[in-house]
């Protein structure tokens, strides 16, 4: 049961994702 209210999607937040650090 999704926590987001899909019946009233008026505003959304787009999360800026940063690529994970790669161990070389």
PDBML (XML) file of the C-alpha atoms, coordinates in Angstrom:
<?xml version="1.0" encoding="UTF-8" ?>
<PDBx:datablock datablockName="MODEL"
   xmlns:PDBx="http://pdbml.pdb.org/schema/pdbx-v50.xsd"
   xmlns:xsi="http://www.w3.org/2001/XMLSchema-instance"
   xsi:schemaLocation="http://pdbml.pdb.org/schema/pdbx-v50.xsd pdbx-v50.xsd">
   <PDBx:atom_siteCategory>
      <PDBx:atom_site id="1">
         <PDBx:B_iso_or_equiv>0.00</PDBx:B_iso_or_equiv>
         <PDBx:Cartn_x>0.000</PDBx:Cartn_x>
         <PDBx:Cartn_y>0.000</PDBx:Cartn_y>
         <PDBx:Cartn_z>0.000</PDBx:Cartn_z>
         <PDBx:auth_asym_id>A</PDBx:auth_asym_id>
         <PDBx:auth_atom_id>CA</PDBx:auth_atom_id>
         <PDBx:auth_comp_id>UNK</PDBx:auth_comp_id>
         <PDBx:auth_seq_id>1</PDBx:auth_seq_id>
         <PDBx:group_PDB>ATOM</PDBx:group_PDB>
         <PDBx:label_alt_id xsi:nil="true" />
         <PDBx:label_asym_id>A</PDBx:label_asym_id>
         <PDBx:label_atom_id>CA</PDBx:label_atom_id>
         <PDBx:label_comp_id>UNK</PDBx:label_comp_id>
         <PDBx:label_entity_id>1</PDBx:label_entity_id>
         <PDBx:label_seq_id>1</PDBx:label_seq_id>
         <PDBx:occupancy>1.00</PDBx:occupancy>
         <PDBx:pdbx_PDB_model_num>1</PDBx:pdbx_PDB_model_num>
         <PDBx:type_symbol>C</PDBx:type_symbol>
      </PDBx:atom_site>
      <PDBx:atom_site id="2">
         <PDBx:B_iso_or_equiv>0.00</PDBx:B_iso_or_equiv>
         <PDBx:Cartn_x>1.916</PDBx:Cartn_x>
         <PDBx:Cartn_y>2.999</PDBx:Cartn_y>
         <PDBx:Cartn_z>-1.311</PDBx:Cartn_z>
         <PDBx:auth_asym_id>A</PDBx:auth_asym_id>
         <PDBx:auth_atom_id>CA</PDBx:auth_atom_id>
         <PDBx:auth_comp_id>UNK</PDBx:auth_comp_id>
         <PDBx:auth_seq_id>2</PDBx:auth_seq_id>
         <PDBx:group_PDB>ATOM</PDBx:group_PDB>
         <PDBx:label_alt_id xsi:nil="true" />
         <PDBx:label_asym_id>A</PDBx:label_asym_id>
         <PDBx:label_atom_id>CA</PDBx:label_atom_id>
         <PDBx:label_comp_id>UNK</PDBx:label_comp_id>
         <PDBx:label_entity_id>1</PDBx:label_entity_id>
         <PDBx:label_seq_id>2</PDBx:label_seq_id>
         <PDBx:occupancy>1.00</PDBx:occupancy>
         <PDBx:pdbx_PDB_model_num>1</PDBx:pdbx_PDB_model_num>
         <PDBx:type_symbol>C</PDBx:type_symbol>
      </PDBx:atom_site>
      <PDBx:atom_site id="3">
         <PDBx:B_iso_or_equiv>0.00</PDBx:B_iso_or_equiv>
         <PDBx:Cartn_x>2.483</PDBx:Cartn_x>
         <PDBx:Cartn_y>5.875</PDBx:Cartn_y>
         <PDBx:Cartn_z>1.103</PDBx:Cartn_z>
         <PDBx:auth_asym_id>A</PDBx:auth_asym_id>
         <PDBx:auth_atom_id>CA</PDBx:auth_atom_id>
         <PDBx:auth_comp_id>UNK</PDBx:auth_comp_id>
         <PDBx:auth_seq_id>3</PDBx:auth_seq_id>
         <PDBx:group_PDB>ATOM</PDBx:group_PDB>
         <PDBx:label_alt_id xsi:nil="true" />
         <PDBx:label_asym_id>A</PDBx:label_asym_id>
         <PDBx:label_atom_id>CA</PDBx:label_atom_id>
         <PDBx:label_comp_id>UNK</PDBx:label_comp_id>
         <PDBx:label_entity_id>1</PDBx:label_entity_id>
         <PDBx:label_seq_id>3</PDBx:label_seq_id>
         <PDBx:occupancy>1.00</PDBx:occupancy>
         <PDBx:pdbx_PDB_model_num>1</PDBx:pdbx_PDB_model_num>
         <PDBx:type_symbol>C</PDBx:type_symbol>
      </PDBx:atom_site>
      <PDBx:atom_site id="4">
         <PDBx:B_iso_or_equiv>0.00</PDBx:B_iso_or_equiv>
         <PDBx:Cartn_x>2.160</PDBx:Cartn_x>
         <PDBx:Cartn_y>8.485</PDBx:Cartn_y>
         <PDBx:Cartn_z>-1.658</PDBx:Cartn_z>
         <PDBx:auth_asym_id>A</PDBx:auth_asym_id>
         <PDBx:auth_atom_id>CA</PDBx:auth_atom_id>
         <PDBx:auth_comp_id>UNK</PDBx:auth_comp_id>
         <PDBx:auth_seq_id>4</PDBx:auth_seq_id>
         <PDBx:group_PDB>ATOM</PDBx:group_PDB>
         <PDBx:label_alt_id xsi:nil="true" />
         <PDBx:label_asym_id>A</PDBx:label_asym_id>
         <PDBx:label_atom_id>CA</PDBx:label_atom_id>
         <PDBx:label_comp_id>UNK</PDBx:label_comp_id>
         <PDBx:label_entity_id>1</PDBx:label_entity_id>
         <PDBx:label_seq_id>4</PDBx:label_seq_id>
         <PDBx:occupancy>1.00</PDBx:occupancy>
         <PDBx:pdbx_PDB_model_num>1</PDBx:pdbx_PDB_model_num>
         <PDBx:type_symbol>C</PDBx:type_symbol>
      </PDBx:atom_site>
      <PDBx:atom_site id="5">
         <PDBx:B_iso_or_equiv>0.00</PDBx:B_iso_or_equiv>
         <PDBx:Cartn_x>-1.324</PDBx:Cartn_x>
         <PDBx:Cartn_y>9.833</PDBx:Cartn_y>
         <PDBx:Cartn_z>-2.349</PDBx:Cartn_z>
         <PDBx:auth_asym_id>A</PDBx:auth_asym_id>
         <PDBx:auth_atom_id>CA</PDBx:auth_atom_id>
         <PDBx:auth_comp_id>UNK</PDBx:auth_comp_id>
         <PDBx:auth_seq_id>5</PDBx:auth_seq_id>
         <PDBx:group_PDB>ATOM</PDBx:group_PDB>
         <PDBx:label_alt_id xsi:nil="true" />
         <PDBx:label_asym_id>A</PDBx:label_asym_id>
         <PDBx:label_atom_id>CA</PDBx:label_atom_id>
         <PDBx:label_comp_id>UNK</PDBx:label_comp_id>
         <PDBx:label_entity_id>1</PDBx:label_entity_id>
         <PDBx:label_seq_id>5</PDBx:label_seq_id>
         <PDBx:occupancy>1.00</PDBx:occupancy>
         <PDBx:pdbx_PDB_model_num>1</PDBx:pdbx_PDB_model_num>
         <PDBx:type_symbol>C</PDBx:type_symbol>
      </PDBx:atom_site>
      <PDBx:atom_site id="6">
         <PDBx:B_iso_or_equiv>0.00</PDBx:B_iso_or_equiv>
         <PDBx:Cartn_x>-1.720</PDBx:Cartn_x>
         <PDBx:Cartn_y>8.844</PDBx:Cartn_y>
         <PDBx:Cartn_z>-5.985</PDBx:Cartn_z>
         <PDBx:auth_asym_id>A</PDBx:auth_asym_id>
         <PDBx:auth_atom_id>CA</PDBx:auth_atom_id>
         <PDBx:auth_comp_id>UNK</PDBx:auth_comp_id>
         <PDBx:auth_seq_id>6</PDBx:auth_seq_id>
         <PDBx:group_PDB>ATOM</PDBx:group_PDB>
         <PDBx:label_alt_id xsi:nil="true" />
         <PDBx:label_asym_id>A</PDBx:label_asym_id>
         <PDBx:label_atom_id>CA</PDBx:label_atom_id>
         <PDBx:label_comp_id>UNK</PDBx:label_comp_id>
         <PDBx:label_entity_id>1</PDBx:label_entity_id>
         <PDBx:label_seq_id>6</PDBx:label_seq_id>
         <PDBx:occupancy>1.00</PDBx:occupancy>
         <PDBx:pdbx_PDB_model_num>1</PDBx:pdbx_PDB_model_num>
         <PDBx:type_symbol>C</PDBx:type_symbol>
      </PDBx:atom_site>
      <PDBx:atom_site id="7">
         <PDBx:B_iso_or_equiv>0.00</PDBx:B_iso_or_equiv>
         <PDBx:Cartn_x>-5.259</PDBx:Cartn_x>
         <PDBx:Cartn_y>10.245</PDBx:Cartn_y>
         <PDBx:Cartn_z>-6.114</PDBx:Cartn_z>
         <PDBx:auth_asym_id>A</PDBx:auth_asym_id>
         <PDBx:auth_atom_id>CA</PDBx:auth_atom_id>
         <PDBx:auth_comp_id>UNK</PDBx:auth_comp_id>
         <PDBx:auth_seq_id>7</PDBx:auth_seq_id>
         <PDBx:group_PDB>ATOM</PDBx:group_PDB>
         <PDBx:label_alt_id xsi:nil="true" />
         <PDBx:label_asym_id>A</PDBx:label_asym_id>
         <PDBx:label_atom_id>CA</PDBx:label_atom_id>
         <PDBx:label_comp_id>UNK</PDBx:label_comp_id>
         <PDBx:label_entity_id>1</PDBx:label_entity_id>
         <PDBx:label_seq_id>7</PDBx:label_seq_id>
         <PDBx:occupancy>1.00</PDBx:occupancy>
         <PDBx:pdbx_PDB_model_num>1</PDBx:pdbx_PDB_model_num>
         <PDBx:type_symbol>C</PDBx:type_symbol>
      </PDBx:atom_site>
      <PDBx:atom_site id="8">
         <PDBx:B_iso_or_equiv>0.00</PDBx:B_iso_or_equiv>
         <PDBx:Cartn_x>-4.005</PDBx:Cartn_x>
         <PDBx:Cartn_y>13.816</PDBx:Cartn_y>
         <PDBx:Cartn_z>-5.618</PDBx:Cartn_z>
         <PDBx:auth_asym_id>A</PDBx:auth_asym_id>
         <PDBx:auth_atom_id>CA</PDBx:auth_atom_id>
         <PDBx:auth_comp_id>UNK</PDBx:auth_comp_id>
         <PDBx:auth_seq_id>8</PDBx:auth_seq_id>
         <PDBx:group_PDB>ATOM</PDBx:group_PDB>
         <PDBx:label_alt_id xsi:nil="true" />
         <PDBx:label_asym_id>A</PDBx:label_asym_id>
         <PDBx:label_atom_id>CA</PDBx:label_atom_id>
         <PDBx:label_comp_id>UNK</PDBx:label_comp_id>
         <PDBx:label_entity_id>1</PDBx:label_entity_id>
         <PDBx:label_seq_id>8</PDBx:label_seq_id>
         <PDBx:occupancy>1.00</PDBx:occupancy>
         <PDBx:pdbx_PDB_model_num>1</PDBx:pdbx_PDB_model_num>
         <PDBx:type_symbol>C</PDBx:type_symbol>
      </PDBx:atom_site>
      <PDBx:atom_site id="9">
         <PDBx:B_iso_or_equiv>0.00</PDBx:B_iso_or_equiv>
         <PDBx:Cartn_x>-0.547</PDBx:Cartn_x>
         <PDBx:Cartn_y>14.263</PDBx:Cartn_y>
         <PDBx:Cartn_z>-7.086</PDBx:Cartn_z>
         <PDBx:auth_asym_id>A</PDBx:auth_asym_id>
         <PDBx:auth_atom_id>CA</PDBx:auth_atom_id>
         <PDBx:auth_comp_id>UNK</PDBx:auth_comp_id>
         <PDBx:auth_seq_id>9</PDBx:auth_seq_id>
         <PDBx:group_PDB>ATOM</PDBx:group_PDB>
         <PDBx:label_alt_id xsi:nil="true" />
         <PDBx:label_asym_id>A</PDBx:label_asym_id>
         <PDBx:label_atom_id>CA</PDBx:label_atom_id>
         <PDBx:label_comp_id>UNK</PDBx:label_comp_id>
         <PDBx:label_entity_id>1</PDBx:label_entity_id>
         <PDBx:label_seq_id>9</PDBx:label_seq_id>
         <PDBx:occupancy>1.00</PDBx:occupancy>
         <PDBx:pdbx_PDB_model_num>1</PDBx:pdbx_PDB_model_num>
         <PDBx:type_symbol>C</PDBx:type_symbol>
      </PDBx:atom_site>
      <PDBx:atom_site id="10">
         <PDBx:B_iso_or_equiv>0.00</PDBx:B_iso_or_equiv>
         <PDBx:Cartn_x>-0.369</PDBx:Cartn_x>
         <PDBx:Cartn_y>18.049</PDBx:Cartn_y>
         <PDBx:Cartn_z>-7.179</PDBx:Cartn_z>
         <PDBx:auth_asym_id>A</PDBx:auth_asym_id>
         <PDBx:auth_atom_id>CA</PDBx:auth_atom_id>
         <PDBx:auth_comp_id>UNK</PDBx:auth_comp_id>
         <PDBx:auth_seq_id>10</PDBx:auth_seq_id>
         <PDBx:group_PDB>ATOM</PDBx:group_PDB>
         <PDBx:label_alt_id xsi:nil="true" />
         <PDBx:label_asym_id>A</PDBx:label_asym_id>
         <PDBx:label_atom_id>CA</PDBx:label_atom_id>
         <PDBx:label_comp_id>UNK</PDBx:label_comp_id>
         <PDBx:label_entity_id>1</PDBx:label_entity_id>
         <PDBx:label_seq_id>10</PDBx:label_seq_id>
         <PDBx:occupancy>1.00</PDBx:occupancy>
         <PDBx:pdbx_PDB_model_num>1</PDBx:pdbx_PDB_model_num>
         <PDBx:type_symbol>C</PDBx:type_symbol>
      </PDBx:atom_site>
      <PDBx:atom_site id="11">
         <PDBx:B_iso_or_equiv>0.00</PDBx:B_iso_or_equiv>
         <PDBx:Cartn_x>3.235</PDBx:Cartn_x>
         <PDBx:Cartn_y>18.691</PDBx:Cartn_y>
         <PDBx:Cartn_z>-6.149</PDBx:Cartn_z>
         <PDBx:auth_asym_id>A</PDBx:auth_asym_id>
         <PDBx:auth_atom_id>CA</PDBx:auth_atom_id>
         <PDBx:auth_comp_id>UNK</PDBx:auth_comp_id>
         <PDBx:auth_seq_id>11</PDBx:auth_seq_id>
         <PDBx:group_PDB>ATOM</PDBx:group_PDB>
         <PDBx:label_alt_id xsi:nil="true" />
         <PDBx:label_asym_id>A</PDBx:label_asym_id>
         <PDBx:label_atom_id>CA</PDBx:label_atom_id>
         <PDBx:label_comp_id>UNK</PDBx:label_comp_id>
         <PDBx:label_entity_id>1</PDBx:label_entity_id>
         <PDBx:label_seq_id>11</PDBx:label_seq_id>
         <PDBx:occupancy>1.00</PDBx:occupancy>
         <PDBx:pdbx_PDB_model_num>1</PDBx:pdbx_PDB_model_num>
         <PDBx:type_symbol>C</PDBx:type_symbol>
      </PDBx:atom_site>
      <PDBx:atom_site id="12">
         <PDBx:B_iso_or_equiv>0.00</PDBx:B_iso_or_equiv>
         <PDBx:Cartn_x>6.267</PDBx:Cartn_x>
         <PDBx:Cartn_y>16.420</PDBx:Cartn_y>
         <PDBx:Cartn_z>-6.483</PDBx:Cartn_z>
         <PDBx:auth_asym_id>A</PDBx:auth_asym_id>
         <PDBx:auth_atom_id>CA</PDBx:auth_atom_id>
         <PDBx:auth_comp_id>UNK</PDBx:auth_comp_id>
         <PDBx:auth_seq_id>12</PDBx:auth_seq_id>
         <PDBx:group_PDB>ATOM</PDBx:group_PDB>
         <PDBx:label_alt_id xsi:nil="true" />
         <PDBx:label_asym_id>A</PDBx:label_asym_id>
         <PDBx:label_atom_id>CA</PDBx:label_atom_id>
         <PDBx:label_comp_id>UNK</PDBx:label_comp_id>
         <PDBx:label_entity_id>1</PDBx:label_entity_id>
         <PDBx:label_seq_id>12</PDBx:label_seq_id>
         <PDBx:occupancy>1.00</PDBx:occupancy>
         <PDBx:pdbx_PDB_model_num>1</PDBx:pdbx_PDB_model_num>
         <PDBx:type_symbol>C</PDBx:type_symbol>
      </PDBx:atom_site>
      <PDBx:atom_site id="13">
         <PDBx:B_iso_or_equiv>0.00</PDBx:B_iso_or_equiv>
         <PDBx:Cartn_x>9.842</PDBx:Cartn_x>
         <PDBx:Cartn_y>16.683</PDBx:Cartn_y>
         <PDBx:Cartn_z>-5.250</PDBx:Cartn_z>
         <PDBx:auth_asym_id>A</PDBx:auth_asym_id>
         <PDBx:auth_atom_id>CA</PDBx:auth_atom_id>
         <PDBx:auth_comp_id>UNK</PDBx:auth_comp_id>
         <PDBx:auth_seq_id>13</PDBx:auth_seq_id>
         <PDBx:group_PDB>ATOM</PDBx:group_PDB>
         <PDBx:label_alt_id xsi:nil="true" />
         <PDBx:label_asym_id>A</PDBx:label_asym_id>
         <PDBx:label_atom_id>CA</PDBx:label_atom_id>
         <PDBx:label_comp_id>UNK</PDBx:label_comp_id>
         <PDBx:label_entity_id>1</PDBx:label_entity_id>
         <PDBx:label_seq_id>13</PDBx:label_seq_id>
         <PDBx:occupancy>1.00</PDBx:occupancy>
         <PDBx:pdbx_PDB_model_num>1</PDBx:pdbx_PDB_model_num>
         <PDBx:type_symbol>C</PDBx:type_symbol>
      </PDBx:atom_site>
      <PDBx:atom_site id="14">
         <PDBx:B_iso_or_equiv>0.00</PDBx:B_iso_or_equiv>
         <PDBx:Cartn_x>12.597</PDBx:Cartn_x>
         <PDBx:Cartn_y>15.556</PDBx:Cartn_y>
         <PDBx:Cartn_z>-7.581</PDBx:Cartn_z>
         <PDBx:auth_asym_id>A</PDBx:auth_asym_id>
         <PDBx:auth_atom_id>CA</PDBx:auth_atom_id>
         <PDBx:auth_comp_id>UNK</PDBx:auth_comp_id>
         <PDBx:auth_seq_id>14</PDBx:auth_seq_id>
         <PDBx:group_PDB>ATOM</PDBx:group_PDB>
         <PDBx:label_alt_id xsi:nil="true" />
         <PDBx:label_asym_id>A</PDBx:label_asym_id>
         <PDBx:label_atom_id>CA</PDBx:label_atom_id>
         <PDBx:label_comp_id>UNK</PDBx:label_comp_id>
         <PDBx:label_entity_id>1</PDBx:label_entity_id>
         <PDBx:label_seq_id>14</PDBx:label_seq_id>
         <PDBx:occupancy>1.00</PDBx:occupancy>
         <PDBx:pdbx_PDB_model_num>1</PDBx:pdbx_PDB_model_num>
         <PDBx:type_symbol>C</PDBx:type_symbol>
      </PDBx:atom_site>
      <PDBx:atom_site id="15">
         <PDBx:B_iso_or_equiv>0.00</PDBx:B_iso_or_equiv>
         <PDBx:Cartn_x>15.570</PDBx:Cartn_x>
         <PDBx:Cartn_y>14.301</PDBx:Cartn_y>
         <PDBx:Cartn_z>-5.536</PDBx:Cartn_z>
         <PDBx:auth_asym_id>A</PDBx:auth_asym_id>
         <PDBx:auth_atom_id>CA</PDBx:auth_atom_id>
         <PDBx:auth_comp_id>UNK</PDBx:auth_comp_id>
         <PDBx:auth_seq_id>15</PDBx:auth_seq_id>
         <PDBx:group_PDB>ATOM</PDBx:group_PDB>
         <PDBx:label_alt_id xsi:nil="true" />
         <PDBx:label_asym_id>A</PDBx:label_asym_id>
         <PDBx:label_atom_id>CA</PDBx:label_atom_id>
         <PDBx:label_comp_id>UNK</PDBx:label_comp_id>
         <PDBx:label_entity_id>1</PDBx:label_entity_id>
         <PDBx:label_seq_id>15</PDBx:label_seq_id>
         <PDBx:occupancy>1.00</PDBx:occupancy>
         <PDBx:pdbx_PDB_model_num>1</PDBx:pdbx_PDB_model_num>
         <PDBx:type_symbol>C</PDBx:type_symbol>
      </PDBx:atom_site>
      <PDBx:atom_site id="16">
         <PDBx:B_iso_or_equiv>0.00</PDBx:B_iso_or_equiv>
         <PDBx:Cartn_x>18.970</PDBx:Cartn_x>
         <PDBx:Cartn_y>15.161</PDBx:Cartn_y>
         <PDBx:Cartn_z>-6.929</PDBx:Cartn_z>
         <PDBx:auth_asym_id>A</PDBx:auth_asym_id>
         <PDBx:auth_atom_id>CA</PDBx:auth_atom_id>
         <PDBx:auth_comp_id>UNK</PDBx:auth_comp_id>
         <PDBx:auth_seq_id>16</PDBx:auth_seq_id>
         <PDBx:group_PDB>ATOM</PDBx:group_PDB>
         <PDBx:label_alt_id xsi:nil="true" />
         <PDBx:label_asym_id>A</PDBx:label_asym_id>
         <PDBx:label_atom_id>CA</PDBx:label_atom_id>
         <PDBx:label_comp_id>UNK</PDBx:label_comp_id>
         <PDBx:label_entity_id>1</PDBx:label_entity_id>
         <PDBx:label_seq_id>16</PDBx:label_seq_id>
         <PDBx:occupancy>1.00</PDBx:occupancy>
         <PDBx:pdbx_PDB_model_num>1</PDBx:pdbx_PDB_model_num>
         <PDBx:type_symbol>C</PDBx:type_symbol>
      </PDBx:atom_site>
      <PDBx:atom_site id="17">
         <PDBx:B_iso_or_equiv>0.00</PDBx:B_iso_or_equiv>
         <PDBx:Cartn_x>20.813</PDBx:Cartn_x>
         <PDBx:Cartn_y>11.845</PDBx:Cartn_y>
         <PDBx:Cartn_z>-6.804</PDBx:Cartn_z>
         <PDBx:auth_asym_id>A</PDBx:auth_asym_id>
         <PDBx:auth_atom_id>CA</PDBx:auth_atom_id>
         <PDBx:auth_comp_id>UNK</PDBx:auth_comp_id>
         <PDBx:auth_seq_id>17</PDBx:auth_seq_id>
         <PDBx:group_PDB>ATOM</PDBx:group_PDB>
         <PDBx:label_alt_id xsi:nil="true" />
         <PDBx:label_asym_id>A</PDBx:label_asym_id>
         <PDBx:label_atom_id>CA</PDBx:label_atom_id>
         <PDBx:label_comp_id>UNK</PDBx:label_comp_id>
         <PDBx:label_entity_id>1</PDBx:label_entity_id>
         <PDBx:label_seq_id>17</PDBx:label_seq_id>
         <PDBx:occupancy>1.00</PDBx:occupancy>
         <PDBx:pdbx_PDB_model_num>1</PDBx:pdbx_PDB_model_num>
         <PDBx:type_symbol>C</PDBx:type_symbol>
      </PDBx:atom_site>
      <PDBx:atom_site id="18">
         <PDBx:B_iso_or_equiv>0.00</PDBx:B_iso_or_equiv>
         <PDBx:Cartn_x>24.598</PDBx:Cartn_x>
         <PDBx:Cartn_y>11.798</PDBx:Cartn_y>
         <PDBx:Cartn_z>-6.767</PDBx:Cartn_z>
         <PDBx:auth_asym_id>A</PDBx:auth_asym_id>
         <PDBx:auth_atom_id>CA</PDBx:auth_atom_id>
         <PDBx:auth_comp_id>UNK</PDBx:auth_comp_id>
         <PDBx:auth_seq_id>18</PDBx:auth_seq_id>
         <PDBx:group_PDB>ATOM</PDBx:group_PDB>
         <PDBx:label_alt_id xsi:nil="true" />
         <PDBx:label_asym_id>A</PDBx:label_asym_id>
         <PDBx:label_atom_id>CA</PDBx:label_atom_id>
         <PDBx:label_comp_id>UNK</PDBx:label_comp_id>
         <PDBx:label_entity_id>1</PDBx:label_entity_id>
         <PDBx:label_seq_id>18</PDBx:label_seq_id>
         <PDBx:occupancy>1.00</PDBx:occupancy>
         <PDBx:pdbx_PDB_model_num>1</PDBx:pdbx_PDB_model_num>
         <PDBx:type_symbol>C</PDBx:type_symbol>
      </PDBx:atom_site>
      <PDBx:atom_site id="19">
         <PDBx:B_iso_or_equiv>0.00</PDBx:B_iso_or_equiv>
         <PDBx:Cartn_x>26.425</PDBx:Cartn_x>
         <PDBx:Cartn_y>8.784</PDBx:Cartn_y>
         <PDBx:Cartn_z>-8.181</PDBx:Cartn_z>
         <PDBx:auth_asym_id>A</PDBx:auth_asym_id>
         <PDBx:auth_atom_id>CA</PDBx:auth_atom_id>
         <PDBx:auth_comp_id>UNK</PDBx:auth_comp_id>
         <PDBx:auth_seq_id>19</PDBx:auth_seq_id>
         <PDBx:group_PDB>ATOM</PDBx:group_PDB>
         <PDBx:label_alt_id xsi:nil="true" />
         <PDBx:label_asym_id>A</PDBx:label_asym_id>
         <PDBx:label_atom_id>CA</PDBx:label_atom_id>
         <PDBx:label_comp_id>UNK</PDBx:label_comp_id>
         <PDBx:label_entity_id>1</PDBx:label_entity_id>
         <PDBx:label_seq_id>19</PDBx:label_seq_id>
         <PDBx:occupancy>1.00</PDBx:occupancy>
         <PDBx:pdbx_PDB_model_num>1</PDBx:pdbx_PDB_model_num>
         <PDBx:type_symbol>C</PDBx:type_symbol>
      </PDBx:atom_site>
      <PDBx:atom_site id="20">
         <PDBx:B_iso_or_equiv>0.00</PDBx:B_iso_or_equiv>
         <PDBx:Cartn_x>27.812</PDBx:Cartn_x>
         <PDBx:Cartn_y>6.466</PDBx:Cartn_y>
         <PDBx:Cartn_z>-5.537</PDBx:Cartn_z>
         <PDBx:auth_asym_id>A</PDBx:auth_asym_id>
         <PDBx:auth_atom_id>CA</PDBx:auth_atom_id>
         <PDBx:auth_comp_id>UNK</PDBx:auth_comp_id>
         <PDBx:auth_seq_id>20</PDBx:auth_seq_id>
         <PDBx:group_PDB>ATOM</PDBx:group_PDB>
         <PDBx:label_alt_id xsi:nil="true" />
         <PDBx:label_asym_id>A</PDBx:label_asym_id>
         <PDBx:label_atom_id>CA</PDBx:label_atom_id>
         <PDBx:label_comp_id>UNK</PDBx:label_comp_id>
         <PDBx:label_entity_id>1</PDBx:label_entity_id>
         <PDBx:label_seq_id>20</PDBx:label_seq_id>
         <PDBx:occupancy>1.00</PDBx:occupancy>
         <PDBx:pdbx_PDB_model_num>1</PDBx:pdbx_PDB_model_num>
         <PDBx:type_symbol>C</PDBx:type_symbol>
      </PDBx:atom_site>
      <PDBx:atom_site id="21">
         <PDBx:B_iso_or_equiv>0.00</PDBx:B_iso_or_equiv>
         <PDBx:Cartn_x>31.526</PDBx:Cartn_x>
         <PDBx:Cartn_y>6.627</PDBx:Cartn_y>
         <PDBx:Cartn_z>-4.869</PDBx:Cartn_z>
         <PDBx:auth_asym_id>A</PDBx:auth_asym_id>
         <PDBx:auth_atom_id>CA</PDBx:auth_atom_id>
         <PDBx:auth_comp_id>UNK</PDBx:auth_comp_id>
         <PDBx:auth_seq_id>21</PDBx:auth_seq_id>
         <PDBx:group_PDB>ATOM</PDBx:group_PDB>
         <PDBx:label_alt_id xsi:nil="true" />
         <PDBx:label_asym_id>A</PDBx:label_asym_id>
         <PDBx:label_atom_id>CA</PDBx:label_atom_id>
         <PDBx:label_comp_id>UNK</PDBx:label_comp_id>
         <PDBx:label_entity_id>1</PDBx:label_entity_id>
         <PDBx:label_seq_id>21</PDBx:label_seq_id>
         <PDBx:occupancy>1.00</PDBx:occupancy>
         <PDBx:pdbx_PDB_model_num>1</PDBx:pdbx_PDB_model_num>
         <PDBx:type_symbol>C</PDBx:type_symbol>
      </PDBx:atom_site>
      <PDBx:atom_site id="22">
         <PDBx:B_iso_or_equiv>0.00</PDBx:B_iso_or_equiv>
         <PDBx:Cartn_x>33.406</PDBx:Cartn_x>
         <PDBx:Cartn_y>3.917</PDBx:Cartn_y>
         <PDBx:Cartn_z>-6.770</PDBx:Cartn_z>
         <PDBx:auth_asym_id>A</PDBx:auth_asym_id>
         <PDBx:auth_atom_id>CA</PDBx:auth_atom_id>
         <PDBx:auth_comp_id>UNK</PDBx:auth_comp_id>
         <PDBx:auth_seq_id>22</PDBx:auth_seq_id>
         <PDBx:group_PDB>ATOM</PDBx:group_PDB>
         <PDBx:label_alt_id xsi:nil="true" />
         <PDBx:label_asym_id>A</PDBx:label_asym_id>
         <PDBx:label_atom_id>CA</PDBx:label_atom_id>
         <PDBx:label_comp_id>UNK</PDBx:label_comp_id>
         <PDBx:label_entity_id>1</PDBx:label_entity_id>
         <PDBx:label_seq_id>22</PDBx:label_seq_id>
         <PDBx:occupancy>1.00</PDBx:occupancy>
         <PDBx:pdbx_PDB_model_num>1</PDBx:pdbx_PDB_model_num>
         <PDBx:type_symbol>C</PDBx:type_symbol>
      </PDBx:atom_site>
      <PDBx:atom_site id="23">
         <PDBx:B_iso_or_equiv>0.00</PDBx:B_iso_or_equiv>
         <PDBx:Cartn_x>36.282</PDBx:Cartn_x>
         <PDBx:Cartn_y>2.181</PDBx:Cartn_y>
         <PDBx:Cartn_z>-4.971</PDBx:Cartn_z>
         <PDBx:auth_asym_id>A</PDBx:auth_asym_id>
         <PDBx:auth_atom_id>CA</PDBx:auth_atom_id>
         <PDBx:auth_comp_id>UNK</PDBx:auth_comp_id>
         <PDBx:auth_seq_id>23</PDBx:auth_seq_id>
         <PDBx:group_PDB>ATOM</PDBx:group_PDB>
         <PDBx:label_alt_id xsi:nil="true" />
         <PDBx:label_asym_id>A</PDBx:label_asym_id>
         <PDBx:label_atom_id>CA</PDBx:label_atom_id>
         <PDBx:label_comp_id>UNK</PDBx:label_comp_id>
         <PDBx:label_entity_id>1</PDBx:label_entity_id>
         <PDBx:label_seq_id>23</PDBx:label_seq_id>
         <PDBx:occupancy>1.00</PDBx:occupancy>
         <PDBx:pdbx_PDB_model_num>1</PDBx:pdbx_PDB_model_num>
         <PDBx:type_symbol>C</PDBx:type_symbol>
      </PDBx:atom_site>
      <PDBx:atom_site id="24">
         <PDBx:B_iso_or_equiv>0.00</PDBx:B_iso_or_equiv>
         <PDBx:Cartn_x>39.067</PDBx:Cartn_x>
         <PDBx:Cartn_y>1.512</PDBx:Cartn_y>
         <PDBx:Cartn_z>-7.474</PDBx:Cartn_z>
         <PDBx:auth_asym_id>A</PDBx:auth_asym_id>
         <PDBx:auth_atom_id>CA</PDBx:auth_atom_id>
         <PDBx:auth_comp_id>UNK</PDBx:auth_comp_id>
         <PDBx:auth_seq_id>24</PDBx:auth_seq_id>
         <PDBx:group_PDB>ATOM</PDBx:group_PDB>
         <PDBx:label_alt_id xsi:nil="true" />
         <PDBx:label_asym_id>A</PDBx:label_asym_id>
         <PDBx:label_atom_id>CA</PDBx:label_atom_id>
         <PDBx:label_comp_id>UNK</PDBx:label_comp_id>
         <PDBx:label_entity_id>1</PDBx:label_entity_id>
         <PDBx:label_seq_id>24</PDBx:label_seq_id>
         <PDBx:occupancy>1.00</PDBx:occupancy>
         <PDBx:pdbx_PDB_model_num>1</PDBx:pdbx_PDB_model_num>
         <PDBx:type_symbol>C</PDBx:type_symbol>
      </PDBx:atom_site>
   </PDBx:atom_siteCategory>
</PDBx:datablock>
